[in-house]
């Protein structure tokens, strides 16, 4: 579904914007608790970059927080400061008269 794919990209972008740089080893260690699929995906990411001439050992990776979204309310779930900041990023800062109302 196109809407779900678009939403996933927005969630990933929000996480990235809240993320911090890590070495590849730090990033791999940080995602281990997310399961074997996350680690496997990270490995494929490394392989893809290597195949395209990126020296992964000399790179830093921006690793953002794990965000969960409530699709009904269209906002991130949680009580942390990062969740609050993520919810602020869902709505841009608009200038008059180009303000998007909370209820459309």
Protein backbone atom coordinates (compact mmCIF):
# COMPACT_ATOMS: atom_id res chain seq x y z
CA UNK A 1 0.00 0.00 0.00
CA UNK A 2 1.45 3.35 -1.05
CA UNK A 3 0.28 5.16 2.09
CA UNK A 4 2.08 2.68 4.34
CA UNK A 5 5.31 2.98 2.36
CA UNK A 6 5.15 6.78 2.50
CA UNK A 7 4.46 6.68 6.23
CA UNK A 8 7.43 4.35 6.77
CA UNK A 9 9.71 6.82 4.97
CA UNK A 10 8.47 9.68 7.18
CA UNK A 11 9.03 7.62 10.34
CA UNK A 12 12.56 6.72 9.18
CA UNK A 13 13.31 10.37 8.36
CA UNK A 14 12.08 11.50 11.77
CA UNK A 15 14.24 8.90 13.51
CA UNK A 16 17.24 9.97 11.45
CA UNK A 17 16.72 13.64 12.32
CA UNK A 18 16.75 12.73 16.03
CA UNK A 19 19.70 10.36 15.68
CA UNK A 20 23.32 10.63 16.69
CA UNK A 21 26.47 9.51 14.87
CA UNK A 22 27.98 6.13 15.72
CA UNK A 23 30.77 3.96 14.42
CA UNK A 24 29.59 0.89 12.49
CA UNK A 25 30.44 -1.35 15.47
CA UNK A 26 28.51 0.88 17.90
CA UNK A 27 25.51 0.89 15.57
CA UNK A 28 25.57 -2.91 15.20
CA UNK A 29 25.74 -3.33 18.98
CA UNK A 30 22.89 -0.86 19.48
CA UNK A 31 20.51 -2.76 17.20
CA UNK A 32 21.24 -6.27 18.53
CA UNK A 33 18.31 -6.10 20.93
CA UNK A 34 15.96 -5.55 17.96
CA UNK A 35 16.46 -9.13 16.81
CA UNK A 36 18.25 -11.11 14.15
CA UNK A 37 16.34 -9.44 11.28
CA UNK A 38 17.70 -6.03 12.28
CA UNK A 39 21.26 -7.35 12.45
CA UNK A 40 20.83 -9.16 9.11
CA UNK A 41 19.46 -5.99 7.48
CA UNK A 42 22.40 -4.03 8.85
CA UNK A 43 24.75 -6.58 7.29
CA UNK A 44 23.05 -6.19 3.90
CA UNK A 45 23.35 -2.41 4.30
CA UNK A 46 27.10 -2.81 4.85
CA UNK A 47 27.41 -5.09 1.81
CA UNK A 48 25.50 -2.64 -0.38
CA UNK A 49 27.75 0.26 0.63
CA UNK A 50 30.91 -1.81 0.13
CA UNK A 51 29.73 -2.86 -3.35
CA UNK A 52 29.36 0.82 -4.17
CA UNK A 53 32.81 1.84 -3.01
CA UNK A 54 32.00 3.14 0.48
CA UNK A 55 34.63 2.28 3.07
CA UNK A 56 32.31 1.41 5.93
CA UNK A 57 35.13 1.36 8.48
CA UNK A 58 35.81 5.06 7.86
CA UNK A 59 32.17 6.10 8.07
CA UNK A 60 29.89 7.19 10.84
CA UNK A 61 26.29 6.12 10.84
CA UNK A 62 23.42 8.18 12.16
CA UNK A 63 21.36 5.90 14.36
CA UNK A 64 18.01 7.24 15.48
CA UNK A 65 15.58 6.11 18.15
CA UNK A 66 13.18 3.23 17.63
CA UNK A 67 9.82 4.94 17.04
CA UNK A 68 6.39 3.39 17.23
CA UNK A 69 3.42 5.16 15.72
CA UNK A 70 -0.27 5.05 16.56
CA UNK A 71 -1.88 4.94 13.09
CA UNK A 72 -5.27 6.08 14.36
CA UNK A 73 -3.92 9.19 16.10
CA UNK A 74 -1.07 9.63 13.58
CA UNK A 75 1.49 10.33 16.28
CA UNK A 76 4.38 8.58 17.94
CA UNK A 77 3.73 6.53 21.07
CA UNK A 78 5.70 6.95 24.27
CA UNK A 79 6.55 9.37 27.03
CA UNK A 80 10.24 10.04 26.42
CA UNK A 81 11.72 13.37 25.41
CA UNK A 82 12.67 11.85 22.05
CA UNK A 83 9.07 10.81 21.44
CA UNK A 84 7.89 14.35 22.19
CA UNK A 85 10.50 15.75 19.82
CA UNK A 86 9.49 13.22 17.16
CA UNK A 87 5.87 14.30 17.46
CA UNK A 88 6.92 17.93 17.00
CA UNK A 89 8.64 16.94 13.76
CA UNK A 90 5.40 15.45 12.43
CA UNK A 91 4.04 18.95 12.05
CA UNK A 92 6.23 21.56 10.47
CA UNK A 93 6.61 25.13 11.58
CA UNK A 94 4.41 27.07 9.21
CA UNK A 95 4.12 30.76 8.58
CA UNK A 96 0.88 32.63 8.02
CA UNK A 97 -1.14 32.22 5.89
CA UNK A 98 0.26 28.75 5.09
CA UNK A 99 -0.71 27.16 8.41
CA UNK A 100 -1.96 23.58 8.33
CA UNK A 101 -4.77 23.15 10.89
CA UNK A 102 -4.64 20.35 13.47
CA UNK A 103 -8.03 19.10 12.27
CA UNK A 104 -8.49 18.89 8.51
